[in-house]
Amino acid sequence: MKSGAVYSLKLERLAVERQQSVVRVLLAITTSLLLWKFYVDQPVDIRLISLDRLVLIVVLFCAYSLGVWALLKWKPEYLKPITIAGSVIEILLIGYLIHQTTGTDTPFYLWYIFYVVSISTRFGARYSILGLSACIVSFIGIVCMASGNYAVNVPAVLGLTSFLLVLAYMFGQISERQISYQASLSVVNEFRAELAGLATSSEIINHLLYRVKELLNAEQAWFLPAQRGSDGSEAPGLRSAGADPVLLSAFREGGGAWNVETILREQRTVVSGRLAGDASLPGGTAAKLNLKDLAAAPMMVRSIPVGVVYAANRKDRPLASADAQILELMATQSAPVVENALLWERLREAAASEERLRIARDLHDNFLQTLAAIKLHLERCKILVQKDPERALDGIDRIHQIATRGLAEVRAYLSELRLMGPEPSRFKQAVERCSADAATKGGFQTHLDLHPPDEAMPPNVALAAFQIVRELLNNAAAHSQAEHVQVRVYTQDSRLYLEVEDDGKGFDVTRVRAEKASEGHLGLVGVEERARQCHGSLTITSEPGKGTHTVAVLTI
């Protein structure tokens, strides 16, 4: 299996078979060399093995070993038929080798040992006994057909048989555990890949329950969240899922050792194949809920409890320890994904809340004054309409002008929101447009020196940067009485610098900021908040008659 490849049980088994095929080729080469050495060393007049028989054995074993190696290398999709056919062919070849080399005193019985180990590795404990049986049958056949060399050495036959039995049992048990572990690991990797495509905690929980029912062949699967609040409330953002309210309530409010909080406190997976006689469940609960088998696994992220996932049957199909192991693995994999999804959902809610506050600030700074002016002129017109109709008409014309200007500002604001984006080109275009609008309103000339980052900025940084520049330009247009305003945007040491400098009348920074804040004008306060949200700072330098220089620094 290639390093870095996605793990699967089939790939793991293929890797093991390929390793064994290499060992098989080495054994075949060693066998050929030993046979040739024996052939050369034996006297010509009493040779126990002929050249033709030697060549046949060498050709058969080398062709078989190299053929299996080649098929596993270039035709891995035929892994299963190759291993099944090889298990039959190999014992026949080994029997033929041992029979044809009787009397050579060469330890070709090592092939039997390799055969038992390979069968155990392929099929586990149960089928390793079949492999052992094939070896014994083959060996007995050789003894019966042999001229007497093996027939008189009964202890050797019994010793080899006992040795093969020990090998079959030992490697069978080891292989059974390894196959079980590999199967569980394969399930976990597949499940992890499936979870990667899910976004919300409810989707993750629902998929977890679906896969639990599928893999454990369980009739029921449900999830109960942990109680995190001091008032006994469930984990925020999580809800019970997967079963009827009666079943959920039984393991939330009762359940004995199966209670959700008990399992989370003990942090251990529990399973029972005979629930009716299990004292850990309060008497009568199993019969009331019609449950025969039950398993539960805690979902924890470090010391943070997420919840418990349950699986149960209402038929005579007991849940075993292997099922509990798979359930525990799936719960372990799901817990951090659920917690991350909850965190992301909370961040999105916080971002939405912050966006609402930002829009509220913008509405206050840009449109509230317009509405207040309209209200003031309407009240004045209401008084004048009876006393001085002509002045009332002038007031109505003024209201119309204010409303028209306010409508244009709303349209420009919405246009800016649509235009803004994290890409450098869009950011630059948005600043250019905002500068042109401010120049028109304030009657000054703008000089732009814009060098945004070459790469796309994080969306929150790009939006905050644009809002800061726009607010500073709007302040210059409304208050500075400047003739020239310079806007500079550049990056340095992973920081974005925004500078707006004018040659206007300037102001006392401390006094004006305090006065504006007390009057509810939060323009500069909003600029500072946006800078802090991007781990940055805002510096305003100004004196009456000397213009204003503002620098905002944001962390990219």
Protein backbone atom coordinates (compact mmCIF):
# COMPACT_ATOMS: atom_id res chain seq x y z
CA MET A 1 0.00 0.00 0.00
CA LYS A 2 1.43 3.36 -1.00
CA SER A 3 2.33 5.77 1.71
CA GLY A 4 -0.27 8.45 2.08
CA ALA A 5 -2.96 6.41 0.30
CA VAL A 6 -6.46 6.32 1.73
CA TYR A 7 -6.69 3.34 4.05
CA SER A 8 -9.02 0.48 3.16
CA LEU A 9 -9.28 -3.13 4.25
CA LYS A 10 -8.83 -4.38 0.69
CA LEU A 11 -5.62 -2.40 0.23
CA GLU A 12 -4.27 -3.68 3.55
CA ARG A 13 -4.97 -7.29 2.60
CA LEU A 14 -3.45 -6.75 -0.81
CA ALA A 15 -0.28 -5.41 0.82
CA VAL A 16 -0.05 -8.48 3.07
CA GLU A 17 -0.56 -10.87 0.13
CA ARG A 18 2.12 -9.08 -1.87
CA GLN A 19 4.57 -9.44 1.01
CA GLN A 20 3.78 -13.14 1.24
CA SER A 21 4.20 -13.52 -2.53
CA VAL A 22 7.75 -12.18 -2.22
CA VAL A 23 8.46 -14.70 0.59
CA ARG A 24 6.98 -17.42 -1.63
CA VAL A 25 9.31 -16.48 -4.48
CA LEU A 26 12.32 -16.58 -2.12
CA LEU A 27 11.24 -20.01 -0.81
CA ALA A 28 10.91 -21.28 -4.37
CA ILE A 29 14.41 -20.03 -5.24
CA THR A 30 15.83 -21.56 -2.04
CA THR A 31 14.08 -24.86 -2.80
CA SER A 32 15.54 -24.87 -6.32
CA LEU A 33 19.07 -24.24 -5.05
CA LEU A 34 18.79 -26.97 -2.38
CA LEU A 35 17.50 -29.47 -4.91
CA TRP A 36 20.27 -28.64 -7.35
CA LYS A 37 22.86 -28.91 -4.56
CA PHE A 38 21.48 -32.33 -3.55
CA TYR A 39 21.42 -33.48 -7.16
CA VAL A 40 25.05 -32.48 -7.72
CA ASP A 41 26.28 -34.04 -4.47
CA GLN A 42 24.55 -37.44 -4.77
CA PRO A 43 26.43 -40.35 -6.43
CA VAL A 44 25.62 -40.79 -10.11
CA ASP A 45 24.86 -44.52 -9.86
CA ILE A 46 22.36 -44.21 -6.94
CA ARG A 47 20.69 -40.85 -7.46
CA LEU A 48 17.46 -40.51 -5.43
CA ILE A 49 16.10 -37.76 -7.68
CA SER A 50 16.47 -37.52 -11.42
CA LEU A 51 17.25 -34.39 -13.41
CA ASP A 52 13.85 -34.51 -15.12
CA ARG A 53 12.04 -34.65 -11.78
CA LEU A 54 14.22 -31.82 -10.41
CA VAL A 55 13.49 -29.60 -13.42
CA LEU A 56 9.76 -30.31 -13.14
CA ILE A 57 9.68 -29.38 -9.44
CA VAL A 58 11.71 -26.22 -10.02
CA VAL A 59 9.53 -25.15 -12.96
CA LEU A 60 6.29 -25.82 -11.06
CA PHE A 61 7.27 -23.91 -7.90
CA CYS A 62 8.97 -21.00 -9.66
CA ALA A 63 6.14 -20.63 -12.17
CA TYR A 64 3.52 -20.75 -9.42
CA SER A 65 5.34 -18.32 -7.10
CA LEU A 66 6.20 -15.84 -9.85
CA GLY A 67 2.68 -16.15 -11.30
CA VAL A 68 1.05 -15.26 -7.96
CA TRP A 69 3.46 -12.35 -7.49
CA ALA A 70 2.74 -11.02 -11.01
CA LEU A 71 -1.04 -11.36 -10.67
CA LEU A 72 -1.04 -9.51 -7.34
CA LYS A 73 1.11 -6.75 -8.84
CA TRP A 74 -0.75 -6.18 -12.13
CA LYS A 75 -4.20 -7.65 -11.47
CA PRO A 76 -4.98 -6.68 -7.87
CA GLU A 77 -8.72 -6.61 -8.60
CA TYR A 78 -8.60 -10.44 -8.66
CA LEU A 79 -7.26 -10.67 -5.10
CA LYS A 80 -10.03 -12.91 -3.76
CA PRO A 81 -9.99 -15.59 -6.52
CA ILE A 82 -6.18 -15.57 -6.47
CA THR A 83 -6.05 -16.31 -2.74
CA ILE A 84 -8.77 -18.99 -2.88
CA ALA A 85 -7.23 -20.78 -5.87
CA GLY A 86 -3.75 -20.42 -4.37
CA SER A 87 -4.87 -22.07 -1.13
CA VAL A 88 -5.87 -25.19 -3.09
CA ILE A 89 -2.99 -25.28 -5.59
CA GLU A 90 -0.31 -24.61 -3.01
CA ILE A 91 -1.12 -27.59 -0.76
CA LEU A 92 -1.06 -29.88 -3.82
CA LEU A 93 2.32 -28.53 -4.87
CA ILE A 94 3.73 -28.88 -1.35
CA GLY A 95 2.50 -32.46 -1.11
CA TYR A 96 4.06 -33.25 -4.46
CA LEU A 97 7.37 -31.64 -3.40
CA ILE A 98 7.57 -33.55 -0.11
CA HIS A 99 6.66 -36.85 -1.81
CA GLN A 100 9.17 -36.46 -4.64
CA THR A 101 12.02 -35.49 -2.30
CA THR A 102 11.50 -38.33 0.21
CA GLY A 103 14.89 -39.52 1.39
CA THR A 104 16.77 -36.31 0.65
CA ASP A 105 16.60 -35.26 4.33
CA THR A 106 15.97 -31.66 3.15
CA PRO A 107 13.60 -29.62 5.41
CA PHE A 108 11.07 -28.84 2.72
CA TYR A 109 8.38 -29.18 5.42
CA LEU A 110 9.03 -25.44 5.97
CA TRP A 111 6.57 -25.03 3.12
CA TYR A 112 3.88 -26.49 5.41
CA ILE A 113 4.71 -23.92 8.08
CA PHE A 114 4.51 -21.10 5.55
CA TYR A 115 1.22 -22.47 4.23
CA VAL A 116 -0.43 -22.58 7.67
CA VAL A 117 0.75 -19.04 8.45
CA SER A 118 -0.50 -17.68 5.09
CA ILE A 119 -3.92 -19.36 5.49
CA SER A 120 -4.23 -17.94 9.01
CA THR A 121 -3.32 -14.48 7.77
CA ARG A 122 -5.78 -14.66 4.90
CA PHE A 123 -8.85 -16.10 6.57
CA GLY A 124 -8.43 -15.95 10.35
CA ALA A 125 -8.80 -18.59 13.07
CA ARG A 126 -11.63 -20.66 11.61
CA TYR A 127 -10.09 -21.30 8.23
CA SER A 128 -6.61 -21.82 9.64
CA ILE A 129 -7.91 -25.16 10.98
CA LEU A 130 -8.89 -26.07 7.43
CA GLY A 131 -5.37 -25.21 6.32
CA LEU A 132 -3.96 -27.38 9.10
CA SER A 133 -6.26 -30.22 8.07
CA ALA A 134 -5.05 -29.94 4.49
CA CYS A 135 -1.46 -30.15 5.69
CA ILE A 136 -2.19 -33.23 7.83
CA VAL A 137 -4.07 -34.99 5.03
CA SER A 138 -1.27 -34.19 2.63
CA PHE A 139 1.39 -35.41 5.06
CA ILE A 140 -0.49 -38.65 5.84
CA GLY A 141 -0.84 -39.26 2.11
CA ILE A 142 2.92 -38.90 1.71
CA VAL A 143 3.56 -41.27 4.62
CA CYS A 144 1.24 -43.88 3.09
CA MET A 145 2.84 -43.57 -0.34
CA ALA A 146 6.44 -43.32 0.88
CA SER A 147 8.83 -46.26 0.73
CA GLY A 148 9.34 -46.34 4.47
CA ASN A 149 11.47 -43.40 5.39
CA TYR A 150 8.60 -41.45 6.93
CA ALA A 151 6.57 -44.48 7.93
CA VAL A 152 9.05 -45.56 10.54
CA ASN A 153 9.53 -42.05 11.99
CA VAL A 154 6.22 -41.70 13.81
CA PRO A 155 7.54 -39.17 16.39
CA ALA A 156 8.61 -36.88 13.53
CA VAL A 157 5.13 -37.05 12.02
CA LEU A 158 3.44 -36.36 15.36
CA GLY A 159 5.89 -33.60 16.20
CA LEU A 160 5.36 -31.80 12.92
CA THR A 161 1.57 -32.16 13.26
CA SER A 162 1.61 -30.75 16.80
CA PHE A 163 3.86 -27.91 15.72
CA LEU A 164 1.49 -27.04 12.87
CA LEU A 165 -1.45 -27.16 15.28
CA VAL A 166 0.23 -24.64 17.57
CA LEU A 167 1.05 -22.42 14.60
CA ALA A 168 -2.51 -22.62 13.28
CA TYR A 169 -3.98 -21.68 16.65
CA MET A 170 -1.50 -18.89 17.40
CA PHE A 171 -1.49 -17.22 13.99
CA GLY A 172 -5.22 -17.80 13.63
CA GLN A 173 -5.96 -15.87 16.82
CA ILE A 174 -3.52 -13.11 15.93
CA SER A 175 -4.94 -12.84 12.44
CA GLU A 176 -8.52 -12.81 13.74
CA ARG A 177 -7.73 -9.84 15.95
CA GLN A 178 -5.86 -8.11 13.16
CA ILE A 179 -8.67 -8.62 10.66
CA SER A 180 -11.19 -7.31 13.20
CA TYR A 181 -9.00 -4.29 13.89
CA GLN A 182 -8.46 -3.66 10.18
CA ALA A 183 -12.18 -3.92 9.51
CA SER A 184 -12.89 -1.44 12.31
CA LEU A 185 -10.18 0.88 11.02
CA SER A 186 -11.63 0.69 7.52
CA VAL A 187 -15.10 1.54 8.84
CA VAL A 188 -13.71 4.47 10.83
CA ASN A 189 -11.84 5.88 7.82
CA GLU A 190 -14.86 5.59 5.57
CA PHE A 191 -17.05 7.15 8.25
CA ARG A 192 -14.56 9.99 8.77
CA ALA A 193 -14.60 10.73 5.03
CA GLU A 194 -18.41 10.83 5.10
CA LEU A 195 -18.45 13.23 8.06
CA ALA A 196 -16.12 15.61 6.22
CA GLY A 197 -18.92 16.41 3.76
CA LEU A 198 -21.45 17.41 6.47
CA ALA A 199 -21.79 20.96 7.75
CA THR A 200 -24.30 21.12 10.60
CA SER A 201 -24.47 19.25 13.89
CA SER A 202 -27.94 17.89 13.10
CA GLU A 203 -26.71 16.44 9.78
CA ILE A 204 -23.76 14.79 11.54
CA ILE A 205 -25.94 13.26 14.26
CA ASN A 206 -28.49 11.96 11.76
CA HIS A 207 -25.78 10.39 9.62
CA LEU A 208 -24.15 8.84 12.70
CA LEU A 209 -27.42 7.17 13.66
CA TYR A 210 -28.00 5.95 10.11
CA ARG A 211 -24.55 4.36 9.93
CA VAL A 212 -24.87 2.82 13.41
CA LYS A 213 -28.09 1.06 12.39
CA GLU A 214 -26.51 -0.07 9.14
CA LEU A 215 -23.19 -1.37 10.49
CA LEU A 216 -24.51 -2.93 13.70
CA ASN A 217 -27.68 -4.23 12.05
CA ALA A 218 -29.57 -2.52 14.84
CA GLU A 219 -33.28 -1.76 14.80
CA GLN A 220 -32.98 1.37 16.90
CA ALA A 221 -30.29 4.04 17.20
CA TRP A 222 -30.64 7.32 19.04
CA PHE A 223 -28.62 10.19 20.47
CA LEU A 224 -28.93 12.03 23.76
CA PRO A 225 -26.93 15.25 24.28
CA ALA A 226 -25.06 16.04 27.45
CA GLN A 227 -26.39 18.43 30.08
CA ARG A 228 -24.00 21.36 30.17
CA GLY A 229 -26.08 24.08 31.73
CA SER A 230 -26.30 24.58 35.49
CA ASP A 231 -30.07 24.38 35.10
CA GLY A 232 -29.87 20.91 33.53
CA SER A 233 -30.27 22.17 29.98
CA GLU A 234 -28.86 20.16 27.10
CA ALA A 235 -25.72 21.08 25.21
CA PRO A 236 -26.44 24.28 23.23
CA GLY A 237 -27.20 23.58 19.60
CA LEU A 238 -27.84 19.85 20.14
CA ARG A 239 -31.14 18.04 20.35
CA SER A 240 -32.12 14.47 21.09
CA ALA A 241 -32.63 12.49 17.91
CA GLY A 242 -33.39 9.09 16.47
CA ALA A 243 -36.17 7.60 18.63
CA ASP A 244 -39.64 8.21 20.07
CA PRO A 245 -39.99 10.52 23.11
CA VAL A 246 -40.74 7.63 25.49
CA LEU A 247 -37.45 5.90 24.65
CA LEU A 248 -35.48 9.13 24.89
CA SER A 249 -37.06 10.07 28.20
CA ALA A 250 -36.32 6.64 29.69
CA PHE A 251 -32.56 7.06 29.28
CA ARG A 252 -32.54 10.78 30.06
CA GLU A 253 -34.47 10.67 33.31
CA GLY A 254 -33.94 7.03 34.37
CA GLY A 255 -32.00 4.16 32.87
CA GLY A 256 -29.79 3.37 35.87
CA ALA A 257 -26.26 2.68 34.66
CA TRP A 258 -27.49 3.38 31.12
CA ASN A 259 -28.47 6.95 31.95
CA VAL A 260 -26.78 9.44 29.61
CA GLU A 261 -25.09 11.39 32.40
CA THR A 262 -23.86 8.20 34.10
CA ILE A 263 -22.22 6.96 30.90
CA LEU A 264 -20.60 10.35 30.30
CA ARG A 265 -19.35 10.52 33.86
CA GLU A 266 -17.81 7.04 33.71
CA GLN A 267 -16.66 7.55 30.10
CA ARG A 268 -16.97 3.91 29.11
CA THR A 269 -18.84 1.96 26.45
CA VAL A 270 -21.41 -0.53 27.75
CA VAL A 271 -23.15 -3.43 25.97
CA SER A 272 -25.65 -6.07 27.02
CA GLY A 273 -26.82 -9.00 24.90
CA ARG A 274 -29.47 -10.09 27.42
CA LEU A 275 -31.08 -6.90 28.64
CA ALA A 276 -34.03 -8.56 30.39
CA GLY A 277 -31.73 -10.13 32.99
CA ASP A 278 -29.31 -7.21 33.26
CA ALA A 279 -29.39 -5.68 36.74
CA SER A 280 -27.80 -2.43 35.47
CA LEU A 281 -31.15 -1.46 33.96
CA PRO A 282 -34.01 -0.75 36.39
CA GLY A 283 -36.45 -3.65 36.66
CA GLY A 284 -39.18 -3.72 34.08
CA THR A 285 -37.62 -1.04 31.86
CA ALA A 286 -36.47 -3.51 29.19
CA ALA A 287 -39.90 -5.15 29.00
CA LYS A 288 -41.66 -1.79 28.99
CA LEU A 289 -39.54 -0.53 26.10
CA ASN A 290 -39.48 -3.97 24.42
CA LEU A 291 -35.68 -3.99 24.17
CA LYS A 292 -33.63 -7.19 24.12
CA ASP A 293 -30.13 -5.89 23.39
CA LEU A 294 -28.52 -2.53 24.05
CA ALA A 295 -25.17 -0.79 23.56
CA ALA A 296 -24.13 2.78 24.38
CA ALA A 297 -20.95 4.77 23.75
CA PRO A 298 -20.01 8.21 25.15
CA MET A 299 -19.06 11.07 22.84
CA MET A 300 -16.32 13.15 24.45
CA VAL A 301 -13.92 15.81 23.18
CA ARG A 302 -11.10 15.81 25.70
CA SER A 303 -13.02 16.55 28.91
CA ILE A 304 -16.03 18.14 27.19
CA PRO A 305 -19.12 15.87 27.07
CA VAL A 306 -21.08 15.95 23.80
CA GLY A 307 -23.59 13.17 24.32
CA VAL A 308 -24.21 9.42 24.11
CA VAL A 309 -25.12 7.33 21.08
CA TYR A 310 -27.25 4.23 21.70
CA ALA A 311 -28.01 1.15 19.60
CA ALA A 312 -30.67 -1.46 20.44
CA ASN A 313 -32.55 -4.45 19.04
CA ARG A 314 -36.03 -5.71 19.69
CA LYS A 315 -35.31 -9.14 18.28
CA ASP A 316 -33.02 -12.06 19.14
CA ARG A 317 -29.95 -10.68 17.45
CA PRO A 318 -27.57 -9.93 20.32
CA LEU A 319 -25.12 -7.06 20.18
CA ALA A 320 -21.63 -8.38 20.84
CA SER A 321 -18.42 -6.78 22.06
CA ALA A 322 -17.32 -6.30 18.43
CA ASP A 323 -20.45 -4.20 17.85
CA ALA A 324 -19.66 -2.13 20.93
CA GLN A 325 -16.14 -1.59 19.64
CA ILE A 326 -17.43 -0.25 16.31
CA LEU A 327 -19.98 1.91 18.13
CA GLU A 328 -17.22 3.34 20.33
CA LEU A 329 -15.00 4.07 17.33
CA MET A 330 -17.82 5.86 15.51
CA ALA A 331 -18.71 7.87 18.62
CA THR A 332 -15.07 8.85 19.08
CA GLN A 333 -14.83 10.00 15.47
CA SER A 334 -18.13 11.91 15.56
CA ALA A 335 -17.62 13.82 18.81
CA PRO A 336 -14.97 16.34 17.63
CA VAL A 337 -16.78 16.82 14.31
CA VAL A 338 -20.03 17.61 16.15
CA GLU A 339 -18.21 19.98 18.52
CA ASN A 340 -16.53 21.78 15.61
CA ALA A 341 -19.87 22.08 13.82
CA LEU A 342 -21.42 23.58 16.97
CA LEU A 343 -18.54 26.04 17.26
CA TRP A 344 -18.94 27.01 13.61
CA GLU A 345 -22.67 27.49 14.07
CA ARG A 346 -22.05 29.74 17.08
CA LEU A 347 -19.45 31.71 15.13
CA ARG A 348 -21.90 32.17 12.27
CA GLU A 349 -24.53 33.41 14.72
CA ALA A 350 -21.99 35.80 16.24
CA ALA A 351 -20.97 36.99 12.78
CA ALA A 352 -24.61 37.55 11.85
CA SER A 353 -25.14 39.48 15.09
CA GLU A 354 -22.04 41.58 14.41
CA GLU A 355 -23.26 42.24 10.86
CA ARG A 356 -26.57 43.44 12.23
CA LEU A 357 -24.71 45.81 14.58
CA ARG A 358 -22.58 47.04 11.70
CA ILE A 359 -25.63 47.76 9.56
CA ALA A 360 -27.22 49.51 12.55
CA ARG A 361 -24.13 51.72 12.88
CA ASP A 362 -24.18 52.49 9.17
CA LEU A 363 -27.88 53.29 9.23
CA HIS A 364 -27.34 55.55 12.21
CA ASP A 365 -24.36 57.38 10.79
CA ASN A 366 -25.65 57.72 7.23
CA PHE A 367 -29.45 57.74 7.22
CA LEU A 368 -30.73 58.67 10.67
CA GLN A 369 -29.74 62.29 10.22
CA THR A 370 -31.59 62.39 6.91
CA LEU A 371 -34.78 61.05 8.50
CA ALA A 372 -34.41 63.46 11.44
CA ALA A 373 -34.07 66.40 9.01
CA ILE A 374 -37.19 65.30 7.13
CA LYS A 375 -39.11 65.02 10.41
CA LEU A 376 -37.96 68.49 11.50
CA HIS A 377 -39.01 70.11 8.19
CA LEU A 378 -42.36 68.32 8.25
CA GLU A 379 -43.12 69.69 11.70
CA ARG A 380 -42.17 73.16 10.50
CA CYS A 381 -44.35 72.83 7.40
CA LYS A 382 -47.24 71.67 9.55
CA ILE A 383 -47.05 74.96 11.43
CA LEU A 384 -46.54 77.10 8.33
CA VAL A 385 -49.24 75.53 6.15
CA GLN A 386 -51.89 77.68 7.85
CA LYS A 387 -49.86 80.85 8.51
CA ASP A 388 -47.59 81.11 5.46
CA PRO A 389 -48.47 78.64 2.65
CA GLU A 390 -45.66 79.89 0.38
CA ARG A 391 -42.98 79.22 2.98
CA ALA A 392 -44.66 75.85 3.60
CA LEU A 393 -44.23 75.05 -0.11
CA ASP A 394 -40.56 76.02 0.14
CA GLY A 395 -40.28 73.64 3.10
CA ILE A 396 -41.88 70.85 1.08
CA ASP A 397 -39.36 71.43 -1.71
CA ARG A 398 -36.59 71.19 0.88
CA ILE A 399 -38.04 67.92 2.20
CA HIS A 400 -38.12 66.60 -1.35
CA GLN A 401 -34.45 67.47 -1.82
CA ILE A 402 -33.47 65.82 1.47
CA ALA A 403 -35.47 62.66 0.62
CA THR A 404 -33.94 62.53 -2.86
CA ARG A 405 -30.45 62.81 -1.41
CA GLY A 406 -31.24 60.17 1.23
CA LEU A 407 -32.58 57.80 -1.44
CA ALA A 408 -29.37 58.25 -3.43
CA GLU A 409 -27.32 57.49 -0.31
CA VAL A 410 -29.31 54.30 0.32
CA ARG A 411 -28.80 53.17 -3.26
CA ALA A 412 -25.08 53.93 -3.06
CA TYR A 413 -24.82 52.05 0.24
CA LEU A 414 -26.51 48.96 -1.22
CA SER A 415 -24.32 49.21 -4.30
CA GLU A 416 -21.21 49.29 -2.11
CA LEU A 417 -22.35 46.17 -0.25
CA ARG A 418 -22.85 44.32 -3.53
CA LEU A 419 -19.54 45.54 -4.93
CA MET A 420 -17.39 44.69 -1.92
CA GLY A 421 -15.42 41.42 -1.96
CA PRO A 422 -12.14 39.97 -0.66
CA GLU A 423 -10.41 39.94 -4.06
CA PRO A 424 -7.81 42.74 -4.49
CA SER A 425 -9.42 44.01 -7.71
CA ARG A 426 -12.85 44.32 -6.14
CA PHE A 427 -11.46 45.98 -3.02
CA LYS A 428 -9.55 48.51 -5.10
CA GLN A 429 -12.58 49.20 -7.29
CA ALA A 430 -14.80 49.71 -4.23
CA VAL A 431 -12.35 52.21 -2.67
CA GLU A 432 -12.03 54.12 -5.95
CA ARG A 433 -15.80 54.43 -6.25
CA CYS A 434 -16.20 55.44 -2.60
CA SER A 435 -13.46 58.08 -3.01
CA ALA A 436 -15.15 59.54 -6.07
CA ASP A 437 -18.48 59.82 -4.23
CA ALA A 438 -16.82 61.48 -1.23
CA ALA A 439 -14.97 63.95 -3.50
CA THR A 440 -18.26 64.92 -5.11
CA LYS A 441 -19.94 65.46 -1.74
CA GLY A 442 -17.03 67.30 -0.12
CA GLY A 443 -15.85 69.32 -3.11
CA PHE A 444 -12.22 68.21 -2.86
CA GLN A 445 -9.78 66.31 -5.04
CA THR A 446 -8.75 62.79 -4.07
CA HIS A 447 -5.29 61.32 -4.69
CA LEU A 448 -5.22 57.52 -4.53
CA ASP A 449 -2.20 55.33 -3.88
CA LEU A 450 -3.76 51.86 -3.64
CA HIS A 451 -1.64 48.72 -3.31
CA PRO A 452 -3.84 46.04 -1.70
CA PRO A 453 -2.40 42.52 -1.12
CA ASP A 454 -1.80 40.41 -4.21
CA GLU A 455 -3.73 37.53 -2.64
CA ALA A 456 -7.39 37.64 -1.65
CA MET A 457 -7.86 39.00 1.85
CA PRO A 458 -10.03 37.25 4.46
CA PRO A 459 -13.61 38.45 3.84
CA ASN A 460 -13.94 40.02 7.29
CA VAL A 461 -10.70 42.00 6.83
CA ALA A 462 -11.63 43.19 3.34
CA LEU A 463 -15.07 44.33 4.51
CA ALA A 464 -13.73 46.07 7.63
CA ALA A 465 -11.01 47.82 5.60
CA PHE A 466 -13.52 49.14 3.09
CA GLN A 467 -15.89 50.33 5.81
CA ILE A 468 -13.06 52.16 7.59
CA VAL A 469 -11.93 53.95 4.43
CA ARG A 470 -15.52 54.87 3.55
CA GLU A 471 -16.25 56.24 7.02
CA LEU A 472 -13.05 58.34 7.05
CA LEU A 473 -13.81 59.73 3.59
CA ASN A 474 -17.40 60.52 4.60
CA ASN A 475 -16.08 62.38 7.67
CA ALA A 476 -13.69 64.34 5.46
CA ALA A 477 -16.52 65.23 3.08
CA ALA A 478 -18.82 66.32 5.91
CA HIS A 479 -16.44 68.21 8.20
CA SER A 480 -12.93 68.83 6.86
CA GLN A 481 -13.55 71.61 4.25
CA ALA A 482 -10.43 70.27 2.59
CA GLU A 483 -9.17 70.88 -0.95
CA HIS A 484 -7.15 67.68 -1.22
CA VAL A 485 -7.56 64.27 0.37
CA GLN A 486 -4.99 61.50 -0.06
CA VAL A 487 -5.85 57.82 0.39
CA ARG A 488 -3.08 55.24 0.75
CA VAL A 489 -3.52 51.46 1.03
CA TYR A 490 -0.51 49.14 1.37
CA THR A 491 0.71 46.01 3.17
CA GLN A 492 3.73 45.49 5.38
CA ASP A 493 4.66 42.53 7.63
CA SER A 494 1.27 40.79 7.21
CA ARG A 495 -0.56 43.99 8.10
CA LEU A 496 -2.84 46.14 6.02
CA TYR A 497 -2.32 49.93 6.37
CA LEU A 498 -5.13 52.37 5.56
CA GLU A 499 -4.24 56.06 5.56
CA VAL A 500 -6.56 58.99 4.88
CA GLU A 501 -5.00 62.47 5.07
CA ASP A 502 -6.62 65.85 4.28
CA ASP A 503 -5.53 69.49 4.30
CA GLY A 504 -8.74 70.69 5.93
CA LYS A 505 -9.48 72.68 9.04
CA GLY A 506 -8.61 69.92 11.49
CA PHE A 507 -10.05 69.52 14.99
CA ASP A 508 -9.29 68.76 18.61
CA VAL A 509 -9.40 64.95 18.59
CA THR A 510 -10.08 64.37 22.29
CA ARG A 511 -12.78 67.00 22.64
CA VAL A 512 -14.62 66.21 19.41
CA ARG A 513 -14.63 62.47 20.02
CA ALA A 514 -16.09 62.96 23.50
CA GLU A 515 -18.75 65.38 22.23
CA LYS A 516 -19.78 63.20 19.30
CA ALA A 517 -19.99 60.09 21.47
CA SER A 518 -22.19 61.88 24.03
CA GLU A 519 -24.50 63.04 21.22
CA GLY A 520 -24.85 59.50 19.85
CA HIS A 521 -22.67 60.01 16.76
CA LEU A 522 -20.68 56.77 16.71
CA GLY A 523 -18.74 57.11 13.45
CA LEU A 524 -15.20 57.11 14.88
CA VAL A 525 -16.20 54.65 17.60
CA GLY A 526 -17.36 52.27 14.86
CA VAL A 527 -14.08 52.69 13.00
CA GLU A 528 -12.14 51.79 16.15
CA GLU A 529 -14.35 48.75 16.76
CA ARG A 530 -13.78 47.46 13.23
CA ALA A 531 -10.03 47.91 13.59
CA ARG A 532 -9.97 46.03 16.91
CA GLN A 533 -12.04 43.19 15.47
CA CYS A 534 -9.23 42.64 12.95
CA HIS A 535 -6.60 42.75 15.73
CA GLY A 536 -5.55 46.22 14.62
CA SER A 537 -5.47 49.82 15.78
CA LEU A 538 -6.61 53.32 14.81
CA THR A 539 -4.50 56.48 15.17
CA ILE A 540 -5.93 59.98 14.52
CA THR A 541 -3.56 62.97 14.35
CA SER A 542 -5.14 66.41 13.96
CA GLU A 543 -5.00 69.99 15.18
CA PRO A 544 -7.23 72.92 14.35
CA GLY A 545 -6.04 74.49 11.09
CA LYS A 546 -3.53 71.72 10.28
CA GLY A 547 -5.64 69.03 8.65
CA THR A 548 -6.20 65.45 9.75
CA HIS A 549 -4.12 62.30 9.28
CA THR A 550 -5.75 58.97 10.18
CA VAL A 551 -3.99 55.57 10.07
CA ALA A 552 -5.79 52.26 10.56
CA VAL A 553 -3.72 49.06 10.80
CA LEU A 554 -5.41 45.67 10.33
CA THR A 555 -3.92 42.18 10.70
CA ILE A 556 -4.40 40.14 7.54
